[in-house]
C-alpha atoms as a PDB file:
ATOM      1  CA  MET A   1      -0.072  -0.097  -0.220  1.00  0.00           C
ATOM      2  CA  LEU A   2       1.572   3.365  -1.056  1.00  0.00           C
ATOM      3  CA  VAL A   3       0.535   5.934   1.800  1.00  0.00           C
ATOM      4  CA  ILE A   4       1.770   9.723   0.547  1.00  0.00           C
ATOM      5  CA  THR A   5       2.218  11.289   4.492  1.00  0.00           C
ATOM      6  CA  PRO A   6       3.950  10.080   7.316  1.00  0.00           C
ATOM      7  CA  SER A   7       0.126  11.077   9.206  1.00  0.00           C
ATOM      8  CA  LEU A   8      -1.097   8.821   6.994  1.00  0.00           C
ATOM      9  CA  LEU A   9       0.438   6.327   7.460  1.00  0.00           C
ATOM     10  CA  GLU A  10       0.947   6.486  11.191  1.00  0.00           C
ATOM     11  CA  ASP A  11      -2.713   6.225  11.436  1.00  0.00           C
ATOM     12  CA  LEU A  12      -3.163   3.310   9.039  1.00  0.00           C
ATOM     13  CA  LYS A  13      -0.917   1.255  11.303  1.00  0.00           C
ATOM     14  CA  LYS A  14      -2.501   2.144  14.061  1.00  0.00           C
ATOM     15  CA  ASN A  15      -5.340   1.031  12.374  1.00  0.00           C
ATOM     16  CA  GLY A  16      -4.032  -2.701  11.637  1.00  0.00           C
ATOM     17  CA  PHE A  17      -2.530  -1.995   8.195  1.00  0.00           C
ATOM     18  CA  ARG A  18       0.611  -3.194   7.137  1.00  0.00           C
ATOM     19  CA  ASN A  19       2.650  -3.729   3.808  1.00  0.00           C
ATOM     20  CA  MET A  20       2.786  -0.082   3.767  1.00  0.00           C
ATOM     21  CA  VAL A  21       5.436   2.143   1.976  1.00  0.00           C
ATOM     22  CA  LEU A  22       6.017   6.128   2.095  1.00  0.00           C
ATOM     23  CA  TRP A  23       5.046   7.731  -1.254  1.00  0.00           C
ATOM     24  CA  LYS A  24       6.312  11.138  -1.485  1.00  0.00           C
ATOM     25  CA  GLN A  25       4.445  13.674  -3.961  1.00  0.00           C
ATOM     26  CA  VAL A  26       5.904  15.553  -6.294  1.00  0.00           C
ATOM     27  CA  VAL A  27       5.174  19.259  -7.764  1.00  0.00           C
ATOM     28  CA  ASP A  28       5.672  20.713 -11.532  1.00  0.00           C
ATOM     29  CA  ALA A  29       8.769  22.780 -10.740  1.00  0.00           C
ATOM     30  CA  ASN A  30       8.383  24.322 -14.580  1.00  0.00           C
ATOM     31  CA  ARG A  31       4.897  25.644 -14.133  1.00  0.00           C
ATOM     32  CA  PHE A  32       5.051  26.570 -10.550  1.00  0.00           C
ATOM     33  CA  ARG A  33       8.001  28.797 -10.104  1.00  0.00           C
ATOM     34  CA  LEU A  34       9.620  32.261  -8.910  1.00  0.00           C
ATOM     35  CA  PHE A  35       8.797  35.172 -10.146  1.00  0.00           C
ATOM     36  CA  SER A  36      10.932  38.096 -10.633  1.00  0.00           C
ATOM     37  CA  GLU A  37       9.471  40.769  -9.274  1.00  0.00           C
ATOM     38  CA  ARG A  38       8.637  42.512 -12.879  1.00  0.00           C
ATOM     39  CA  GLU A  39       6.828  39.017 -13.613  1.00  0.00           C
ATOM     40  CA  ARG A  40       4.880  39.931 -10.700  1.00  0.00           C
ATOM     41  CA  GLN A  41       3.827  43.154 -11.205  1.00  0.00           C
ATOM     42  CA  ASP A  42       3.084  42.285 -15.140  1.00  0.00           C
ATOM     43  CA  PHE A  43       0.989  39.487 -14.237  1.00  0.00           C
ATOM     44  CA  LEU A  44      -1.139  41.663 -11.362  1.00  0.00           C
ATOM     45  CA  LYS A  45      -1.619  44.295 -14.162  1.00  0.00           C
ATOM     46  CA  SER A  46      -2.904  41.487 -16.843  1.00  0.00           C
ATOM     47  CA  GLN A  47      -5.343  40.514 -14.250  1.00  0.00           C
ATOM     48  CA  ARG A  48      -6.075  44.461 -12.738  1.00  0.00           C
ATOM     49  CA  LEU A  49      -4.609  43.577  -9.076  1.00  0.00           C
ATOM     50  CA  GLU A  50      -2.083  46.603  -9.591  1.00  0.00           C
ATOM     51  CA  ASN A  51      -3.638  48.494  -7.459  1.00  0.00           C
ATOM     52  CA  ARG A  52      -5.000  46.105  -4.657  1.00  0.00           C
ATOM     53  CA  PRO A  53      -3.261  46.145  -1.675  1.00  0.00           C
ATOM     54  CA  ARG A  54      -0.530  43.761  -0.306  1.00  0.00           C
ATOM     55  CA  PRO A  55       0.482  41.062   0.770  1.00  0.00           C
ATOM     56  CA  PHE A  56      -1.681  39.065  -1.259  1.00  0.00           C
ATOM     57  CA  TYR A  57      -3.397  35.930   0.951  1.00  0.00           C
ATOM     58  CA  LEU A  58      -3.901  33.334  -2.008  1.00  0.00           C
ATOM     59  CA  PHE A  59      -6.578  30.400  -1.664  1.00  0.00           C
ATOM     60  CA  VAL A  60      -6.630  27.412  -4.673  1.00  0.00           C
ATOM     61  CA  GLY A  61      -9.171  24.834  -4.618  1.00  0.00           C
ATOM     62  CA  ARG A  62     -12.427  24.150  -4.472  1.00  0.00           C
ATOM     63  CA  VAL A  63     -15.205  26.732  -2.918  1.00  0.00           C
ATOM     64  CA  SER A  64     -16.826  24.242  -0.925  1.00  0.00           C
ATOM     65  CA  SER A  65     -17.272  23.200   2.660  1.00  0.00           C
ATOM     66  CA  GLU A  66     -15.175  20.459   3.190  1.00  0.00           C
ATOM     67  CA  LYS A  67     -12.393  23.058   2.579  1.00  0.00           C
ATOM     68  CA  ASN A  68     -13.473  24.544   5.400  1.00  0.00           C
ATOM     69  CA  ILE A  69     -12.846  28.203   3.338  1.00  0.00           C
ATOM     70  CA  GLU A  70     -14.874  30.732   5.396  1.00  0.00           C
ATOM     71  CA  ALA A  71     -12.011  30.229   8.389  1.00  0.00           C
ATOM     72  CA  PHE A  72      -9.871  32.250   5.955  1.00  0.00           C
ATOM     73  CA  LEU A  73     -12.402  34.266   4.326  1.00  0.00           C
ATOM     74  CA  LYS A  74     -13.718  35.523   7.924  1.00  0.00           C
ATOM     75  CA  ALA A  75     -10.485  36.695   9.160  1.00  0.00           C
ATOM     76  CA  GLY A  76      -9.801  40.260   9.376  1.00  0.00           C
ATOM     77  CA  LEU A  77      -6.342  40.020   7.374  1.00  0.00           C
ATOM     78  CA  PRO A  78      -4.659  43.430   6.316  1.00  0.00           C
ATOM     79  CA  GLY A  79      -4.484  43.293   2.516  1.00  0.00           C
ATOM     80  CA  THR A  80      -6.435  40.917  -0.086  1.00  0.00           C
ATOM     81  CA  LYS A  81      -7.612  38.104   0.020  1.00  0.00           C
ATOM     82  CA  LEU A  82      -7.644  36.283  -3.321  1.00  0.00           C
ATOM     83  CA  VAL A  83     -10.002  32.956  -3.871  1.00  0.00           C
ATOM     84  CA  VAL A  84      -9.204  30.839  -7.209  1.00  0.00           C
ATOM     85  CA  GLY A  85     -11.273  27.935  -7.977  1.00  0.00           C
ATOM     86  CA  PRO A  86     -14.541  26.864  -9.221  1.00  0.00           C
ATOM     87  CA  GLU A  87     -18.011  26.660  -6.954  1.00  0.00           C
ATOM     88  CA  GLY A  88     -17.715  23.136  -5.230  1.00  0.00           C
ATOM     89  CA  ALA A  89     -20.567  20.915  -2.728  1.00  0.00           C
ATOM     90  CA  GLY A  90     -22.402  23.096   0.140  1.00  0.00           C
ATOM     91  CA  LEU A  91     -21.500  26.500  -0.754  1.00  0.00           C
ATOM     92  CA  SER A  92     -22.882  29.276  -3.211  1.00  0.00           C
ATOM     93  CA  LEU A  93     -20.117  31.421  -4.702  1.00  0.00           C
ATOM     94  CA  ALA A  94     -22.652  34.149  -5.466  1.00  0.00           C
ATOM     95  CA  LYS A  95     -23.787  34.295  -1.498  1.00  0.00           C
ATOM     96  CA  LEU A  96     -19.649  34.200  -0.618  1.00  0.00           C
ATOM     97  CA  LYS A  97     -18.959  37.111  -3.111  1.00  0.00           C
ATOM     98  CA  ARG A  98     -21.985  39.072  -1.172  1.00  0.00           C
ATOM     99  CA  LYS A  99     -20.799  38.075   1.882  1.00  0.00           C
ATOM    100  CA  TYR A 100     -17.811  39.077   1.656  1.00  0.00           C
ATOM    101  CA  PRO A 101     -17.171  41.945  -1.181  1.00  0.00           C
ATOM    102  CA  GLN A 102     -13.627  42.670  -0.312  1.00  0.00           C
ATOM    103  CA  VAL A 103     -12.488  39.328  -1.350  1.00  0.00           C
ATOM    104  CA  MET A 104     -11.423  38.390  -4.733  1.00  0.00           C
ATOM    105  CA  PHE A 105     -13.059  35.455  -6.375  1.00  0.00           C
ATOM    106  CA  THR A 106     -11.750  34.731  -9.710  1.00  0.00           C
ATOM    107  CA  GLY A 107     -13.531  30.808 -10.582  1.00  0.00           C
ATOM    108  CA  PRO A 108     -11.005  28.633 -11.681  1.00  0.00           C
ATOM    109  CA  ARG A 109      -7.933  29.085 -13.567  1.00  0.00           C
ATOM    110  CA  TYR A 110      -5.429  26.794 -15.414  1.00  0.00           C
ATOM    111  CA  GLY A 111      -1.958  26.876 -17.145  1.00  0.00           C
ATOM    112  CA  ASP A 112       0.264  29.405 -16.849  1.00  0.00           C
ATOM    113  CA  GLU A 113      -2.283  31.756 -15.785  1.00  0.00           C
ATOM    114  CA  LEU A 114      -3.236  29.550 -12.748  1.00  0.00           C
ATOM    115  CA  GLY A 115       1.077  29.474 -12.240  1.00  0.00           C
ATOM    116  CA  GLY A 116       1.129  33.621 -11.992  1.00  0.00           C
ATOM    117  CA  TYR A 117      -1.918  33.535  -9.016  1.00  0.00           C
ATOM    118  CA  TYR A 118       0.931  31.425  -7.331  1.00  0.00           C
ATOM    119  CA  ALA A 119       4.141  33.118  -7.690  1.00  0.00           C
ATOM    120  CA  SER A 120       2.270  36.693  -7.691  1.00  0.00           C
ATOM    121  CA  SER A 121       0.851  36.369  -4.257  1.00  0.00           C
ATOM    122  CA  ASP A 122       2.153  36.510  -0.723  1.00  0.00           C
ATOM    123  CA  VAL A 123       1.102  33.574   1.827  1.00  0.00           C
ATOM    124  CA  PHE A 124      -0.716  30.249   0.512  1.00  0.00           C
ATOM    125  CA  MET A 125      -3.982  29.853   2.913  1.00  0.00           C
ATOM    126  CA  PHE A 126      -4.887  26.296   3.407  1.00  0.00           C
ATOM    127  CA  PRO A 127      -7.990  26.202   5.682  1.00  0.00           C
ATOM    128  CA  SER A 128      -8.881  22.337   5.273  1.00  0.00           C
ATOM    129  CA  LYS A 129      -8.963  19.728   7.711  1.00  0.00           C
ATOM    130  CA  ALA A 130      -9.743  17.072   5.766  1.00  0.00           C
ATOM    131  CA  ASP A 131      -7.234  16.554   3.154  1.00  0.00           C
ATOM    132  CA  THR A 132      -5.147  13.598   2.736  1.00  0.00           C
ATOM    133  CA  LEU A 133      -2.283  15.892   1.606  1.00  0.00           C
ATOM    134  CA  GLY A 134      -3.216  18.637  -0.361  1.00  0.00           C
ATOM    135  CA  LEU A 135      -0.968  19.154  -3.358  1.00  0.00           C
ATOM    136  CA  VAL A 136      -1.704  23.027  -3.948  1.00  0.00           C
ATOM    137  CA  MET A 137       0.238  23.504  -0.980  1.00  0.00           C
ATOM    138  CA  LEU A 138       3.485  22.084  -2.368  1.00  0.00           C
ATOM    139  CA  GLU A 139       2.468  24.158  -5.844  1.00  0.00           C
ATOM    140  CA  ALA A 140       2.210  26.828  -3.643  1.00  0.00           C
ATOM    141  CA  MET A 141       5.991  26.177  -2.069  1.00  0.00           C
ATOM    142  CA  ALA A 142       7.237  25.565  -5.614  1.00  0.00           C
ATOM    143  CA  SER A 143       5.890  29.050  -6.673  1.00  0.00           C
ATOM    144  CA  GLY A 144       7.910  30.463  -3.189  1.00  0.00           C
ATOM    145  CA  LEU A 145       4.733  31.453  -1.335  1.00  0.00           C
ATOM    146  CA  PRO A 146       4.869  30.117   2.819  1.00  0.00           C
ATOM    147  CA  VAL A 147       1.805  28.074   3.510  1.00  0.00           C
ATOM    148  CA  VAL A 148      -0.385  28.479   6.529  1.00  0.00           C
ATOM    149  CA  GLY A 149      -2.651  25.763   7.620  1.00  0.00           C
ATOM    150  CA  PHE A 150      -4.304  24.131  10.771  1.00  0.00           C
ATOM    151  CA  ASN A 151      -2.422  21.193  12.974  1.00  0.00           C
ATOM    152  CA  VAL A 152      -3.876  18.197  11.173  1.00  0.00           C
ATOM    153  CA  THR A 153      -3.019  15.870   8.681  1.00  0.00           C
ATOM    154  CA  GLY A 154      -1.537  17.284   5.586  1.00  0.00           C
ATOM    155  CA  PRO A 155      -0.607  21.053   6.427  1.00  0.00           C
ATOM    156  CA  LYS A 156       1.700  19.221   9.243  1.00  0.00           C
ATOM    157  CA  ASP A 157       3.099  16.586   6.543  1.00  0.00           C
ATOM    158  CA  VAL A 158       4.334  19.237   4.438  1.00  0.00           C
ATOM    159  CA  ILE A 159       5.216  22.308   6.339  1.00  0.00           C
ATOM    160  CA  GLU A 160       8.710  21.825   7.859  1.00  0.00           C
ATOM    161  CA  PRO A 161       9.185  22.803  11.502  1.00  0.00           C
ATOM    162  CA  GLY A 162      10.781  26.190  12.609  1.00  0.00           C
ATOM    163  CA  GLY A 163       8.606  28.595  10.789  1.00  0.00           C
ATOM    164  CA  GLN A 164      10.853  28.342   7.466  1.00  0.00           C
ATOM    165  CA  THR A 165       8.540  27.351   5.004  1.00  0.00           C
ATOM    166  CA  GLY A 166       5.000  28.104   6.837  1.00  0.00           C
ATOM    167  CA  PHE A 167       3.019  28.216  10.532  1.00  0.00           C
ATOM    168  CA  LEU A 168       0.605  25.660  11.477  1.00  0.00           C
ATOM    169  CA  ALA A 169      -2.202  27.335  13.474  1.00  0.00           C
ATOM    170  CA  GLU A 170      -4.425  25.465  16.489  1.00  0.00           C
ATOM    171  CA  ASN A 171      -7.806  27.439  16.035  1.00  0.00           C
ATOM    172  CA  ASP A 172      -9.518  30.049  13.558  1.00  0.00           C
ATOM    173  CA  ALA A 173      -7.727  33.012  15.686  1.00  0.00           C
ATOM    174  CA  ASP A 174      -4.556  31.442  15.760  1.00  0.00           C
ATOM    175  CA  LEU A 175      -4.271  30.868  11.526  1.00  0.00           C
ATOM    176  CA  LYS A 176      -5.467  34.867  11.785  1.00  0.00           C
ATOM    177  CA  GLU A 177      -2.356  35.420  13.591  1.00  0.00           C
ATOM    178  CA  LYS A 178      -0.019  33.173  11.622  1.00  0.00           C
ATOM    179  CA  ALA A 179      -1.119  34.016   8.154  1.00  0.00           C
ATOM    180  CA  VAL A 180       0.310  37.792   9.880  1.00  0.00           C
ATOM    181  CA  GLN A 181       3.306  36.533  10.245  1.00  0.00           C
ATOM    182  CA  ALA A 182       4.025  34.688   7.507  1.00  0.00           C
ATOM    183  CA  TRP A 183       3.401  37.835   5.987  1.00  0.00           C
ATOM    184  CA  GLU A 184       6.133  39.590   8.302  1.00  0.00           C
ATOM    185  CA  ASN A 185       8.830  37.033   8.445  1.00  0.00           C
ATOM    186  CA  LEU A 186       8.561  37.322   4.658  1.00  0.00           C
ATOM    187  CA  GLN A 187       9.403  40.748   4.906  1.00  0.00           C
ATOM    188  CA  SER A 188      12.218  40.653   7.367  1.00  0.00           C
ATOM    189  CA  GLY A 189      13.627  38.098   5.027  1.00  0.00           C
ATOM    190  CA  ASN A 190      13.047  35.342   7.665  1.00  0.00           C
ATOM    191  CA  ILE A 191      11.188  33.473   5.404  1.00  0.00           C
ATOM    192  CA  THR A 192      12.753  33.067   1.759  1.00  0.00           C
ATOM    193  CA  ARG A 193      10.798  32.417  -1.715  1.00  0.00           C
ATOM    194  CA  GLN A 194      13.744  30.419  -2.413  1.00  0.00           C
ATOM    195  CA  ALA A 195      13.683  28.278   1.099  1.00  0.00           C
ATOM    196  CA  CYS A 196       9.868  27.512   0.201  1.00  0.00           C
ATOM    197  CA  ARG A 197      10.683  26.533  -3.396  1.00  0.00           C
ATOM    198  CA  ASP A 198      13.645  24.488  -2.186  1.00  0.00           C
ATOM    199  CA  ALA A 199      11.477  22.539   0.605  1.00  0.00           C
ATOM    200  CA  ALA A 200       8.828  21.762  -2.213  1.00  0.00           C
ATOM    201  CA  LEU A 201      11.235  19.986  -4.740  1.00  0.00           C
ATOM    202  CA  LYS A 202      13.472  18.045  -1.810  1.00  0.00           C
ATOM    203  CA  ALA A 203      11.579  14.987  -3.539  1.00  0.00           C
ATOM    204  CA  SER A 204      11.712  14.271  -7.485  1.00  0.00           C
ATOM    205  CA  TRP A 205      10.138  12.894 -10.141  1.00  0.00           C
ATOM    206  CA  SER A 206      12.788  10.282 -10.055  1.00  0.00           C
ATOM    207  CA  GLN A 207      12.057   8.987  -6.750  1.00  0.00           C
ATOM    208  CA  CYS A 208       8.416   9.296  -7.058  1.00  0.00           C
ATOM    209  CA  VAL A 209       8.170   6.737  -9.807  1.00  0.00           C
ATOM    210  CA  SER A 210      11.077   4.825  -8.697  1.00  0.00           C
ATOM    211  CA  THR A 211       8.989   3.913  -5.231  1.00  0.00           C
ATOM    212  CA  LEU A 212       5.472   3.227  -7.486  1.00  0.00           C
ATOM    213  CA  LEU A 213       7.887   0.561  -9.994  1.00  0.00           C
ATOM    214  CA  GLU A 214      10.142  -0.928  -7.057  1.00  0.00           C
ATOM    215  CA  ASN A 215       6.760  -1.477  -4.716  1.00  0.00           C
ATOM    216  CA  LEU A 216       4.735  -2.761  -8.219  1.00  0.00           C
ATOM    217  CA  LYS A 217       4.199  -6.892  -8.394  1.00  0.00           C
ATOM    218  CA  ILE A 218       3.005  -8.212 -11.768  1.00  0.00           C
ATOM    219  CA  HIS A 219       2.252 -11.905 -11.978  1.00  0.00           C
ATOM    220  CA  VAL A 220       2.048 -13.370 -15.256  1.00  0.00           C
ATOM    221  CA  TRP A 221       0.369 -16.899 -15.465  1.00  0.00           C
ATOM    222  CA  PRO A 222       2.421 -19.361 -16.783  1.00  0.00           C
ATOM    223  CA  PRO A 223       1.302 -21.534 -19.366  1.00  0.00           C
ATOM    224  CA  SER A 224       1.406 -24.562 -18.116  1.00  0.00           C
ATOM    225  CA  GLN A 225      -1.208 -23.214 -15.149  1.00  0.00           C
ATOM    226  CA  ASN A 226      -5.113 -22.688 -15.707  1.00  0.00           C
ATOM    227  CA  PRO A 227      -5.938 -19.036 -14.194  1.00  0.00           C
ATOM    228  CA  PRO A 228      -8.785 -18.806 -11.600  1.00  0.00           C
ATOM    229  CA  ALA A 229     -11.578 -19.678 -12.668  1.00  0.00           C
ATOM    230  CA  ASN A 230     -12.838 -16.028 -12.165  1.00  0.00           C
ATOM    231  CA  ALA A 231      -9.784 -14.568 -14.065  1.00  0.00           C
ATOM    232  CA  LYS A 232     -11.736 -14.368 -17.610  1.00  0.00           C
ATOM    233  CA  LYS A 233     -14.155 -12.271 -15.966  1.00  0.00           C
ATOM    234  CA  HIS A 234     -11.833 -10.140 -13.984  1.00  0.00           C
ATOM    235  CA  THR A 235      -9.853  -9.597 -17.700  1.00  0.00           C
ATOM    236  CA  GLU A 236     -13.193  -9.003 -19.936  1.00  0.00           C
ATOM    237  CA  MET A 237     -13.893  -6.089 -16.830  1.00  0.00           C
ATOM    238  CA  GLU A 238     -10.350  -4.289 -17.461  1.00  0.00           C
ATOM    239  CA  ALA A 239     -10.910  -4.288 -20.947  1.00  0.00           C
ATOM    240  CA  SER A 240     -14.334  -2.881 -20.772  1.00  0.00           C
ATOM    241  CA  TYR A 241     -12.809  -0.286 -18.700  1.00  0.00           C
ATOM    242  CA  SER A 242      -9.860   0.795 -21.192  1.00  0.00           C
ATOM    243  CA  GLY A 243      -9.650   4.611 -22.126  1.00  0.00           C
ATOM    244  CA  HIS A 244     -11.322   5.570 -18.574  1.00  0.00           C
ATOM    245  CA  CYS A 245      -9.475   7.163 -16.347  1.00  0.00           C
ATOM    246  CA  PHE A 246     -10.678   7.557 -12.532  1.00  0.00           C
END
């Protein structure tokens, strides 16, 4: 069983699971990268954000109840809050826009434009308490952003101790304080964009693929041995699923 975070691996162990391997996830370091100050200003201008006050606090993901997004939206933070992502379950994007008129809701963004939002922001906010990992945190760090999230599975597996890549909060009030602290540390140089990126790139694609391949077990039935009675049924099912992505 390939498990993507140490916290999840430990939880599974406590529940009796065995034969588990930690499978570190990686990020597209070409799309999610550092911007120069000139690139940042050009991007903000292209999105008509150049006159919005800094810092830019960014959320990327589905605007849905399981993401606990209102813990971020209601926090009284200086600067500008950016929410990039589609409407999800349990929340109305239209209602949130009326309730939080100062928040910039962009809707979904893709490709280089999405990368631009990351690289042009200052602090990444991850209020979810229900994600197994949260790859958006790695994308943000690869783009040079410190991450602020709650001290739960996911954020605590990504944000390194010591405050060099972000902070873990214990409650909603603490989330606000840690967000301000991250911005202040970024300004003072106690946190650097390069350090955040370096932390995100510790796991390589070669390591990720090698872990997968090393733990795959492929069984080929010998010609002299008849497969189990249900093998034909499984083969037919696999053929019917060919071309589909789950």
